[in-house]
Amino acid sequence: MEFRNEEFREVIENLQPKEARGKYGVTNEIVKLVFKDIPNKITANYNACLRIGCFPDTWKITKMLPLYKPGREISTVTKKYRPIILPNTEREILENLLSK
């Protein structure tokens, strides 16, 4: 199995342009611009991950946002929050490619 540029383009076109996920804050718009300039290299990187069975450590880093549970007052008690986990864009792209 290998990804094609067309599949990759389809996945990134469905990403929200202003959204930035993960620790590094790289927006989806930047990912789209980079892919537009070097589509073969980007697709080759993802195919290399598949071929050697590698899931880069940096793609495993997520951003966690604590949100207050509805109806609870703001405090330092952790039970009054619920975590929202945002995976980084590279990871989201790979998951979307694999689910196709």
PDB file of N, CA and C in Angstrom:
ATOM      1  N   MET A   1       0.845  -1.182   0.000  1.00  0.00           N
ATOM      2  CA  MET A   1       0.000   0.000   0.000  1.00  0.00           C
ATOM      3  C   MET A   1       0.887   1.240   0.000  1.00  0.00           C
ATOM      4  N   GLU A   2       0.568   2.151  -0.870  1.00  0.00           N
ATOM      5  CA  GLU A   2       1.249   3.449  -0.902  1.00  0.00           C
ATOM      6  C   GLU A   2       0.221   4.543  -1.126  1.00  0.00           C
ATOM      7  N   PHE A   3       0.503   5.699  -0.542  1.00  0.00           N
ATOM      8  CA  PHE A   3      -0.366   6.854  -0.757  1.00  0.00           C
ATOM      9  C   PHE A   3       0.022   7.522  -2.062  1.00  0.00           C
ATOM     10  N   ARG A   4      -0.960   8.074  -2.726  1.00  0.00           N
ATOM     11  CA  ARG A   4      -0.720   8.856  -3.948  1.00  0.00           C
ATOM     12  C   ARG A   4      -0.915  10.333  -3.630  1.00  0.00           C
ATOM     13  N   ASN A   5      -0.300  11.180  -4.427  1.00  0.00           N
ATOM     14  CA  ASN A   5      -0.437  12.626  -4.240  1.00  0.00           C
ATOM     15  C   ASN A   5      -1.902  13.056  -4.240  1.00  0.00           C
ATOM     16  N   GLU A   6      -2.706  12.420  -5.080  1.00  0.00           N
ATOM     17  CA  GLU A   6      -4.120  12.789  -5.177  1.00  0.00           C
ATOM     18  C   GLU A   6      -4.857  12.506  -3.865  1.00  0.00           C
ATOM     19  N   GLU A   7      -4.554  11.355  -3.262  1.00  0.00           N
ATOM     20  CA  GLU A   7      -5.173  11.011  -1.975  1.00  0.00           C
ATOM     21  C   GLU A   7      -4.762  12.022  -0.900  1.00  0.00           C
ATOM     22  N   PHE A   8      -3.495  12.341  -0.894  1.00  0.00           N
ATOM     23  CA  PHE A   8      -2.971  13.283   0.088  1.00  0.00           C
ATOM     24  C   PHE A   8      -3.618  14.652  -0.087  1.00  0.00           C
ATOM     25  N   ARG A   9      -3.694  15.103  -1.343  1.00  0.00           N
ATOM     26  CA  ARG A   9      -4.306  16.400  -1.641  1.00  0.00           C
ATOM     27  C   ARG A   9      -5.755  16.437  -1.174  1.00  0.00           C
ATOM     28  N   GLU A  10      -6.469  15.358  -1.399  1.00  0.00           N
ATOM     29  CA  GLU A  10      -7.872  15.268  -0.985  1.00  0.00           C
ATOM     30  C   GLU A  10      -8.018  15.404   0.536  1.00  0.00           C
ATOM     31  N   VAL A  11      -7.128  14.756   1.272  1.00  0.00           N
ATOM     32  CA  VAL A  11      -7.184  14.815   2.732  1.00  0.00           C
ATOM     33  C   VAL A  11      -6.872  16.224   3.228  1.00  0.00           C
ATOM     34  N   ILE A  12      -5.827  16.850   2.705  1.00  0.00           N
ATOM     35  CA  ILE A  12      -5.470  18.172   3.235  1.00  0.00           C
ATOM     36  C   ILE A  12      -6.440  19.258   2.788  1.00  0.00           C
ATOM     37  N   GLU A  13      -7.110  19.063   1.676  1.00  0.00           N
ATOM     38  CA  GLU A  13      -8.102  20.043   1.246  1.00  0.00           C
ATOM     39  C   GLU A  13      -9.292  20.084   2.204  1.00  0.00           C
ATOM     40  N   ASN A  14      -9.533  18.988   2.919  1.00  0.00           N
ATOM     41  CA  ASN A  14     -10.647  18.935   3.863  1.00  0.00           C
ATOM     42  C   ASN A  14     -10.300  19.488   5.238  1.00  0.00           C
ATOM     43  N   LEU A  15      -9.040  19.870   5.452  1.00  0.00           N
ATOM     44  CA  LEU A  15      -8.630  20.455   6.736  1.00  0.00           C
ATOM     45  C   LEU A  15      -9.073  21.913   6.810  1.00  0.00           C
ATOM     46  N   GLN A  16      -9.460  22.350   7.992  1.00  0.00           N
ATOM     47  CA  GLN A  16      -9.846  23.753   8.196  1.00  0.00           C
ATOM     48  C   GLN A  16      -8.588  24.619   8.110  1.00  0.00           C
ATOM     49  N   PRO A  17      -8.550  25.632   7.224  1.00  0.00           N
ATOM     50  CA  PRO A  17      -7.315  26.375   6.961  1.00  0.00           C
ATOM     51  C   PRO A  17      -6.714  27.115   8.158  1.00  0.00           C
ATOM     52  N   LYS A  18      -7.506  27.711   8.995  1.00  0.00           N
ATOM     53  CA  LYS A  18      -6.976  28.524  10.103  1.00  0.00           C
ATOM     54  C   LYS A  18      -6.674  27.710  11.355  1.00  0.00           C
ATOM     55  N   GLU A  19      -7.089  26.460  11.359  1.00  0.00           N
ATOM     56  CA  GLU A  19      -6.927  25.626  12.539  1.00  0.00           C
ATOM     57  C   GLU A  19      -5.468  25.216  12.715  1.00  0.00           C
ATOM     58  N   ALA A  20      -4.978  25.322  13.934  1.00  0.00           N
ATOM     59  CA  ALA A  20      -3.632  24.865  14.279  1.00  0.00           C
ATOM     60  C   ALA A  20      -3.764  23.840  15.382  1.00  0.00           C
ATOM     61  N   ARG A  21      -3.222  22.674  15.151  1.00  0.00           N
ATOM     62  CA  ARG A  21      -3.325  21.601  16.130  1.00  0.00           C
ATOM     63  C   ARG A  21      -1.956  21.297  16.689  1.00  0.00           C
ATOM     64  N   GLY A  22      -1.954  20.707  17.837  1.00  0.00           N
ATOM     65  CA  GLY A  22      -0.713  20.215  18.407  1.00  0.00           C
ATOM     66  C   GLY A  22       0.167  21.269  19.032  1.00  0.00           C
ATOM     67  N   LYS A  23       1.281  20.811  19.517  1.00  0.00           N
ATOM     68  CA  LYS A  23       2.200  21.619  20.309  1.00  0.00           C
ATOM     69  C   LYS A  23       2.841  22.764  19.522  1.00  0.00           C
ATOM     70  N   TYR A  24       3.106  22.555  18.238  1.00  0.00           N
ATOM     71  CA  TYR A  24       3.898  23.519  17.478  1.00  0.00           C
ATOM     72  C   TYR A  24       3.087  24.618  16.811  1.00  0.00           C
ATOM     73  N   GLY A  25       1.781  24.499  16.771  1.00  0.00           N
ATOM     74  CA  GLY A  25       0.936  25.554  16.240  1.00  0.00           C
ATOM     75  C   GLY A  25       1.016  25.750  14.735  1.00  0.00           C
ATOM     76  N   VAL A  26       1.410  24.725  14.003  1.00  0.00           N
ATOM     77  CA  VAL A  26       1.469  24.814  12.542  1.00  0.00           C
ATOM     78  C   VAL A  26       0.039  24.762  12.021  1.00  0.00           C
ATOM     79  N   THR A  27      -0.361  25.795  11.300  1.00  0.00           N
ATOM     80  CA  THR A  27      -1.735  25.829  10.794  1.00  0.00           C
ATOM     81  C   THR A  27      -1.895  24.894   9.595  1.00  0.00           C
ATOM     82  N   ASN A  28      -3.115  24.483   9.366  1.00  0.00           N
ATOM     83  CA  ASN A  28      -3.411  23.642   8.208  1.00  0.00           C
ATOM     84  C   ASN A  28      -3.138  24.391   6.910  1.00  0.00           C
ATOM     85  N   GLU A  29      -3.275  25.693   6.940  1.00  0.00           N
ATOM     86  CA  GLU A  29      -2.984  26.508   5.761  1.00  0.00           C
ATOM     87  C   GLU A  29      -1.511  26.377   5.365  1.00  0.00           C
ATOM     88  N   ILE A  30      -0.629  26.353   6.363  1.00  0.00           N
ATOM     89  CA  ILE A  30       0.804  26.179   6.088  1.00  0.00           C
ATOM     90  C   ILE A  30       1.054  24.801   5.493  1.00  0.00           C
ATOM     91  N   VAL A  31       0.411  23.780   6.038  1.00  0.00           N
ATOM     92  CA  VAL A  31       0.560  22.420   5.506  1.00  0.00           C
ATOM     93  C   VAL A  31       0.138  22.388   4.042  1.00  0.00           C
ATOM     94  N   LYS A  32      -0.958  23.042   3.724  1.00  0.00           N
ATOM     95  CA  LYS A  32      -1.443  23.082   2.340  1.00  0.00           C
ATOM     96  C   LYS A  32      -0.445  23.774   1.416  1.00  0.00           C
ATOM     97  N   LEU A  33       0.141  24.884   1.876  1.00  0.00           N
ATOM     98  CA  LEU A  33       1.112  25.613   1.056  1.00  0.00           C
ATOM     99  C   LEU A  33       2.381  24.799   0.814  1.00  0.00           C
ATOM    100  N   VAL A  34       2.843  24.129   1.857  1.00  0.00           N
ATOM    101  CA  VAL A  34       4.038  23.290   1.715  1.00  0.00           C
ATOM    102  C   VAL A  34       3.766  22.147   0.743  1.00  0.00           C
ATOM    103  N   PHE A  35       2.606  21.502   0.877  1.00  0.00           N
ATOM    104  CA  PHE A  35       2.266  20.407  -0.024  1.00  0.00           C
ATOM    105  C   PHE A  35       2.172  20.894  -1.470  1.00  0.00           C
ATOM    106  N   LYS A  36       1.666  22.093  -1.656  1.00  0.00           N
ATOM    107  CA  LYS A  36       1.537  22.656  -3.002  1.00  0.00           C
ATOM    108  C   LYS A  36       2.915  22.807  -3.666  1.00  0.00           C
ATOM    109  N   ASP A  37       3.930  23.161  -2.858  1.00  0.00           N
ATOM    110  CA  ASP A  37       5.278  23.356  -3.390  1.00  0.00           C
ATOM    111  C   ASP A  37       6.053  22.056  -3.582  1.00  0.00           C
ATOM    112  N   ILE A  38       5.899  21.118  -2.659  1.00  0.00           N
ATOM    113  CA  ILE A  38       6.687  19.871  -2.736  1.00  0.00           C
ATOM    114  C   ILE A  38       5.816  18.636  -2.459  1.00  0.00           C
ATOM    115  N   PRO A  39       4.811  18.407  -3.311  1.00  0.00           N
ATOM    116  CA  PRO A  39       3.892  17.297  -3.042  1.00  0.00           C
ATOM    117  C   PRO A  39       4.571  15.929  -3.035  1.00  0.00           C
ATOM    118  N   ASN A  40       5.515  15.709  -3.944  1.00  0.00           N
ATOM    119  CA  ASN A  40       6.154  14.391  -4.024  1.00  0.00           C
ATOM    120  C   ASN A  40       6.958  14.072  -2.768  1.00  0.00           C
ATOM    121  N   LYS A  41       7.645  15.070  -2.228  1.00  0.00           N
ATOM    122  CA  LYS A  41       8.458  14.834  -1.024  1.00  0.00           C
ATOM    123  C   LYS A  41       7.574  14.573   0.194  1.00  0.00           C
ATOM    124  N   ILE A  42       6.488  15.325   0.317  1.00  0.00           N
ATOM    125  CA  ILE A  42       5.586  15.126   1.458  1.00  0.00           C
ATOM    126  C   ILE A  42       4.960  13.740   1.389  1.00  0.00           C
ATOM    127  N   THR A  43       4.457  13.379   0.228  1.00  0.00           N
ATOM    128  CA  THR A  43       3.838  12.058   0.064  1.00  0.00           C
ATOM    129  C   THR A  43       4.870  10.963   0.298  1.00  0.00           C
ATOM    130  N   ALA A  44       6.099  11.162  -0.178  1.00  0.00           N
ATOM    131  CA  ALA A  44       7.164  10.174   0.022  1.00  0.00           C
ATOM    132  C   ALA A  44       7.467   9.981   1.509  1.00  0.00           C
ATOM    133  N   ASN A  45       7.415  11.057   2.296  1.00  0.00           N
ATOM    134  CA  ASN A  45       7.651  10.932   3.738  1.00  0.00           C
ATOM    135  C   ASN A  45       6.600  10.040   4.392  1.00  0.00           C
ATOM    136  N   TYR A  46       5.342  10.243   4.039  1.00  0.00           N
ATOM    137  CA  TYR A  46       4.268   9.422   4.601  1.00  0.00           C
ATOM    138  C   TYR A  46       4.384   7.973   4.125  1.00  0.00           C
ATOM    139  N   ASN A  47       4.768   7.780   2.865  1.00  0.00           N
ATOM    140  CA  ASN A  47       4.955   6.423   2.358  1.00  0.00           C
ATOM    141  C   ASN A  47       6.125   5.728   3.049  1.00  0.00           C
ATOM    142  N   ALA A  48       7.173   6.477   3.367  1.00  0.00           N
ATOM    143  CA  ALA A  48       8.313   5.904   4.093  1.00  0.00           C
ATOM    144  C   ALA A  48       7.872   5.450   5.482  1.00  0.00           C
ATOM    145  N   CYS A  49       7.022   6.239   6.119  1.00  0.00           N
ATOM    146  CA  CYS A  49       6.496   5.843   7.434  1.00  0.00           C
ATOM    147  C   CYS A  49       5.761   4.510   7.337  1.00  0.00           C
ATOM    148  N   LEU A  50       4.965   4.355   6.293  1.00  0.00           N
ATOM    149  CA  LEU A  50       4.238   3.097   6.096  1.00  0.00           C
ATOM    150  C   LEU A  50       5.190   1.945   5.833  1.00  0.00           C
ATOM    151  N   ARG A  51       6.144   2.180   4.947  1.00  0.00           N
ATOM    152  CA  ARG A  51       7.058   1.128   4.507  1.00  0.00           C
ATOM    153  C   ARG A  51       7.890   0.576   5.666  1.00  0.00           C
ATOM    154  N   ILE A  52       8.402   1.475   6.524  1.00  0.00           N
ATOM    155  CA  ILE A  52       9.267   1.002   7.612  1.00  0.00           C
ATOM    156  C   ILE A  52       8.513   0.824   8.932  1.00  0.00           C
ATOM    157  N   GLY A  53       7.230   1.123   8.912  1.00  0.00           N
ATOM    158  CA  GLY A  53       6.419   0.944  10.119  1.00  0.00           C
ATOM    159  C   GLY A  53       6.761   1.938  11.212  1.00  0.00           C
ATOM    160  N   CYS A  54       7.041   3.156  10.818  1.00  0.00           N
ATOM    161  CA  CYS A  54       7.455   4.193  11.769  1.00  0.00           C
ATOM    162  C   CYS A  54       6.334   5.209  11.978  1.00  0.00           C
ATOM    163  N   PHE A  55       6.100   5.528  13.235  1.00  0.00           N
ATOM    164  CA  PHE A  55       5.181   6.611  13.589  1.00  0.00           C
ATOM    165  C   PHE A  55       6.030   7.602  14.377  1.00  0.00           C
ATOM    166  N   PRO A  56       6.496   8.695  13.727  1.00  0.00           N
ATOM    167  CA  PRO A  56       7.448   9.605  14.366  1.00  0.00           C
ATOM    168  C   PRO A  56       6.997  10.099  15.744  1.00  0.00           C
ATOM    169  N   ASP A  57       7.953  10.146  16.661  1.00  0.00           N
ATOM    170  CA  ASP A  57       7.652  10.578  18.033  1.00  0.00           C
ATOM    171  C   ASP A  57       7.016  11.959  18.077  1.00  0.00           C
ATOM    172  N   THR A  58       7.454  12.864  17.214  1.00  0.00           N
ATOM    173  CA  THR A  58       6.891  14.221  17.234  1.00  0.00           C
ATOM    174  C   THR A  58       5.416  14.227  16.852  1.00  0.00           C
ATOM    175  N   TRP A  59       4.963  13.221  16.118  1.00  0.00           N
ATOM    176  CA  TRP A  59       3.553  13.130  15.742  1.00  0.00           C
ATOM    177  C   TRP A  59       2.704  12.628  16.906  1.00  0.00           C
ATOM    178  N   LYS A  60       3.354  12.059  17.918  1.00  0.00           N
ATOM    179  CA  LYS A  60       2.643  11.544  19.078  1.00  0.00           C
ATOM    180  C   LYS A  60       2.370  12.637  20.115  1.00  0.00           C
ATOM    181  N   ILE A  61       3.031  13.768  19.965  1.00  0.00           N
ATOM    182  CA  ILE A  61       2.858  14.866  20.919  1.00  0.00           C
ATOM    183  C   ILE A  61       1.532  15.559  20.628  1.00  0.00           C
ATOM    184  N   THR A  62       0.726  15.707  21.662  1.00  0.00           N
ATOM    185  CA  THR A  62      -0.574  16.355  21.493  1.00  0.00           C
ATOM    186  C   THR A  62      -0.656  17.601  22.362  1.00  0.00           C
ATOM    187  N   LYS A  63      -1.693  18.357  22.128  1.00  0.00           N
ATOM    188  CA  LYS A  63      -1.962  19.535  22.936  1.00  0.00           C
ATOM    189  C   LYS A  63      -3.226  19.247  23.740  1.00  0.00           C
ATOM    190  N   MET A  64      -3.147  19.427  25.056  1.00  0.00           N
ATOM    191  CA  MET A  64      -4.301  19.166  25.911  1.00  0.00           C
ATOM    192  C   MET A  64      -4.844  20.493  26.419  1.00  0.00           C
ATOM    193  N   LEU A  65      -6.147  20.674  26.238  1.00  0.00           N
ATOM    194  CA  LEU A  65      -6.822  21.876  26.711  1.00  0.00           C
ATOM    195  C   LEU A  65      -7.815  21.494  27.797  1.00  0.00           C
ATOM    196  N   PRO A  66      -7.639  21.992  29.008  1.00  0.00           N
ATOM    197  CA  PRO A  66      -8.629  21.705  30.048  1.00  0.00           C
ATOM    198  C   PRO A  66      -9.827  22.649  29.903  1.00  0.00           C
ATOM    199  N   LEU A  67     -11.008  22.095  29.796  1.00  0.00           N
ATOM    200  CA  LEU A  67     -12.229  22.899  29.698  1.00  0.00           C
ATOM    201  C   LEU A  67     -13.067  22.695  30.952  1.00  0.00           C
ATOM    202  N   TYR A  68     -13.662  23.764  31.424  1.00  0.00           N
ATOM    203  CA  TYR A  68     -14.539  23.669  32.590  1.00  0.00           C
ATOM    204  C   TYR A  68     -15.760  22.845  32.244  1.00  0.00           C
ATOM    205  N   LYS A  69     -16.155  21.982  33.167  1.00  0.00           N
ATOM    206  CA  LYS A  69     -17.396  21.243  32.974  1.00  0.00           C
ATOM    207  C   LYS A  69     -18.556  22.207  33.161  1.00  0.00           C
ATOM    208  N   PRO A  70     -19.602  22.073  32.343  1.00  0.00           N
ATOM    209  CA  PRO A  70     -20.749  22.972  32.467  1.00  0.00           C
ATOM    210  C   PRO A  70     -21.345  22.940  33.873  1.00  0.00           C
ATOM    211  N   GLY A  71     -21.723  24.104  34.381  1.00  0.00           N
ATOM    212  CA  GLY A  71     -22.363  24.199  35.683  1.00  0.00           C
ATOM    213  C   GLY A  71     -21.404  24.164  36.854  1.00  0.00           C
ATOM    214  N   ARG A  72     -20.121  24.175  36.596  1.00  0.00           N
ATOM    215  CA  ARG A  72     -19.137  24.149  37.681  1.00  0.00           C
ATOM    216  C   ARG A  72     -18.428  25.503  37.748  1.00  0.00           C
ATOM    217  N   GLU A  73     -18.139  25.943  38.949  1.00  0.00           N
ATOM    218  CA  GLU A  73     -17.411  27.206  39.087  1.00  0.00           C
ATOM    219  C   GLU A  73     -15.927  26.956  38.803  1.00  0.00           C
ATOM    220  N   ILE A  74     -15.248  28.006  38.377  1.00  0.00           N
ATOM    221  CA  ILE A  74     -13.827  27.922  38.072  1.00  0.00           C
ATOM    222  C   ILE A  74     -13.055  27.676  39.368  1.00  0.00           C
ATOM    223  N   SER A  75     -12.176  26.678  39.343  1.00  0.00           N
ATOM    224  CA  SER A  75     -11.355  26.395  40.525  1.00  0.00           C
ATOM    225  C   SER A  75     -10.128  25.596  40.106  1.00  0.00           C
ATOM    226  N   THR A  76      -9.315  25.245  41.075  1.00  0.00           N
ATOM    227  CA  THR A  76      -8.118  24.460  40.803  1.00  0.00           C
ATOM    228  C   THR A  76      -8.365  22.963  40.975  1.00  0.00           C
ATOM    229  N   VAL A  77      -9.578  22.572  41.327  1.00  0.00           N
ATOM    230  CA  VAL A  77      -9.909  21.164  41.502  1.00  0.00           C
ATOM    231  C   VAL A  77     -10.030  20.514  40.126  1.00  0.00           C
ATOM    232  N   THR A  78      -9.210  19.497  39.885  1.00  0.00           N
ATOM    233  CA  THR A  78      -9.171  18.885  38.551  1.00  0.00           C
ATOM    234  C   THR A  78     -10.466  18.198  38.145  1.00  0.00           C
ATOM    235  N   LYS A  79     -11.280  17.772  39.077  1.00  0.00           N
ATOM    236  CA  LYS A  79     -12.550  17.113  38.752  1.00  0.00           C
ATOM    237  C   LYS A  79     -13.540  18.061  38.086  1.00  0.00           C
ATOM    238  N   LYS A  80     -13.263  19.353  38.133  1.00  0.00           N
ATOM    239  CA  LYS A  80     -14.177  20.335  37.553  1.00  0.00           C
ATOM    240  C   LYS A  80     -13.821  20.651  36.096  1.00  0.00           C
ATOM    241  N   TYR A  81     -12.866  19.904  35.556  1.00  0.00           N
ATOM    242  CA  TYR A  81     -12.428  20.104  34.176  1.00  0.00           C
ATOM    243  C   TYR A  81     -12.563  18.805  33.395  1.00  0.00           C
ATOM    244  N   ARG A  82     -12.631  18.945  32.084  1.00  0.00           N
ATOM    245  CA  ARG A  82     -12.540  17.776  31.217  1.00  0.00           C
ATOM    246  C   ARG A  82     -11.473  18.083  30.169  1.00  0.00           C
ATOM    247  N   PRO A  83     -10.623  17.107  29.853  1.00  0.00           N
ATOM    248  CA  PRO A  83      -9.545  17.370  28.898  1.00  0.00           C
ATOM    249  C   PRO A  83     -10.011  17.218  27.449  1.00  0.00           C
ATOM    250  N   ILE A  84      -9.554  18.103  26.616  1.00  0.00           N
ATOM    251  CA  ILE A  84      -9.744  17.993  25.168  1.00  0.00           C
ATOM    252  C   ILE A  84      -8.347  17.811  24.588  1.00  0.00           C
ATOM    253  N   ILE A  85      -8.141  16.739  23.834  1.00  0.00           N
ATOM    254  CA  ILE A  85      -6.833  16.429  23.266  1.00  0.00           C
ATOM    255  C   ILE A  85      -6.849  16.764  21.781  1.00  0.00           C
ATOM    256  N   LEU A  86      -5.877  17.582  21.361  1.00  0.00           N
ATOM    257  CA  LEU A  86      -5.741  17.948  19.954  1.00  0.00           C
ATOM    258  C   LEU A  86      -4.471  17.309  19.389  1.00  0.00           C
ATOM    259  N   PRO A  87      -4.613  16.301  18.523  1.00  0.00           N
ATOM    260  CA  PRO A  87      -3.422  15.724  17.905  1.00  0.00           C
ATOM    261  C   PRO A  87      -2.840  16.724  16.902  1.00  0.00           C
ATOM    262  N   ASN A  88      -1.558  16.591  16.583  1.00  0.00           N
ATOM    263  CA  ASN A  88      -0.999  17.533  15.621  1.00  0.00           C
ATOM    264  C   ASN A  88      -1.476  17.205  14.207  1.00  0.00           C
ATOM    265  N   THR A  89      -1.270  18.129  13.303  1.00  0.00           N
ATOM    266  CA  THR A  89      -1.797  18.017  11.946  1.00  0.00           C
ATOM    267  C   THR A  89      -1.226  16.815  11.208  1.00  0.00           C
ATOM    268  N   GLU A  90       0.078  16.557  11.358  1.00  0.00           N
ATOM    269  CA  GLU A  90       0.700  15.436  10.655  1.00  0.00           C
ATOM    270  C   GLU A  90       0.036  14.110  11.027  1.00  0.00           C
ATOM    271  N   ARG A  91      -0.230  13.956  12.313  1.00  0.00           N
ATOM    272  CA  ARG A  91      -0.888  12.743  12.792  1.00  0.00           C
ATOM    273  C   ARG A  91      -2.306  12.642  12.241  1.00  0.00           C
ATOM    274  N   GLU A  92      -3.027  13.747  12.257  1.00  0.00           N
ATOM    275  CA  GLU A  92      -4.399  13.753  11.744  1.00  0.00           C
ATOM    276  C   GLU A  92      -4.427  13.372  10.266  1.00  0.00           C
ATOM    277  N   ILE A  93      -3.466  13.887   9.501  1.00  0.00           N
ATOM    278  CA  ILE A  93      -3.394  13.559   8.074  1.00  0.00           C
ATOM    279  C   ILE A  93      -3.172  12.063   7.890  1.00  0.00           C
ATOM    280  N   LEU A  94      -2.214  11.495   8.634  1.00  0.00           N
ATOM    281  CA  LEU A  94      -1.925  10.067   8.507  1.00  0.00           C
ATOM    282  C   LEU A  94      -3.160   9.237   8.875  1.00  0.00           C
ATOM    283  N   GLU A  95      -3.834   9.591   9.954  1.00  0.00           N
ATOM    284  CA  GLU A  95      -5.035   8.851  10.345  1.00  0.00           C
ATOM    285  C   GLU A  95      -6.109   8.930   9.275  1.00  0.00           C
ATOM    286  N   ASN A  96      -6.278  10.099   8.656  1.00  0.00           N
ATOM    287  CA  ASN A  96      -7.280  10.250   7.586  1.00  0.00           C
ATOM    288  C   ASN A  96      -6.891   9.455   6.356  1.00  0.00           C
ATOM    289  N   LEU A  97      -5.604   9.420   6.029  1.00  0.00           N
ATOM    290  CA  LEU A  97      -5.147   8.631   4.882  1.00  0.00           C
ATOM    291  C   LEU A  97      -5.377   7.136   5.125  1.00  0.00           C
ATOM    292  N   LEU A  98      -5.081   6.686   6.330  1.00  0.00           N
ATOM    293  CA  LEU A  98      -5.245   5.269   6.645  1.00  0.00           C
ATOM    294  C   LEU A  98      -6.700   4.834   6.689  1.00  0.00           C
ATOM    295  N   SER A  99      -7.585   5.767   7.023  1.00  0.00           N
ATOM    296  CA  SER A  99      -9.003   5.414   7.123  1.00  0.00           C
ATOM    297  C   SER A  99      -9.709   5.416   5.780  1.00  0.00           C
ATOM    298  N   LYS A 100      -9.043   5.845   4.737  1.00  0.00           N
ATOM    299  CA  LYS A 100      -9.652   5.861   3.390  1.00  0.00           C
ATOM    300  C   LYS A 100      -9.727   4.462   2.814  1.00  0.00           C
TER     301      LYS A 100
END
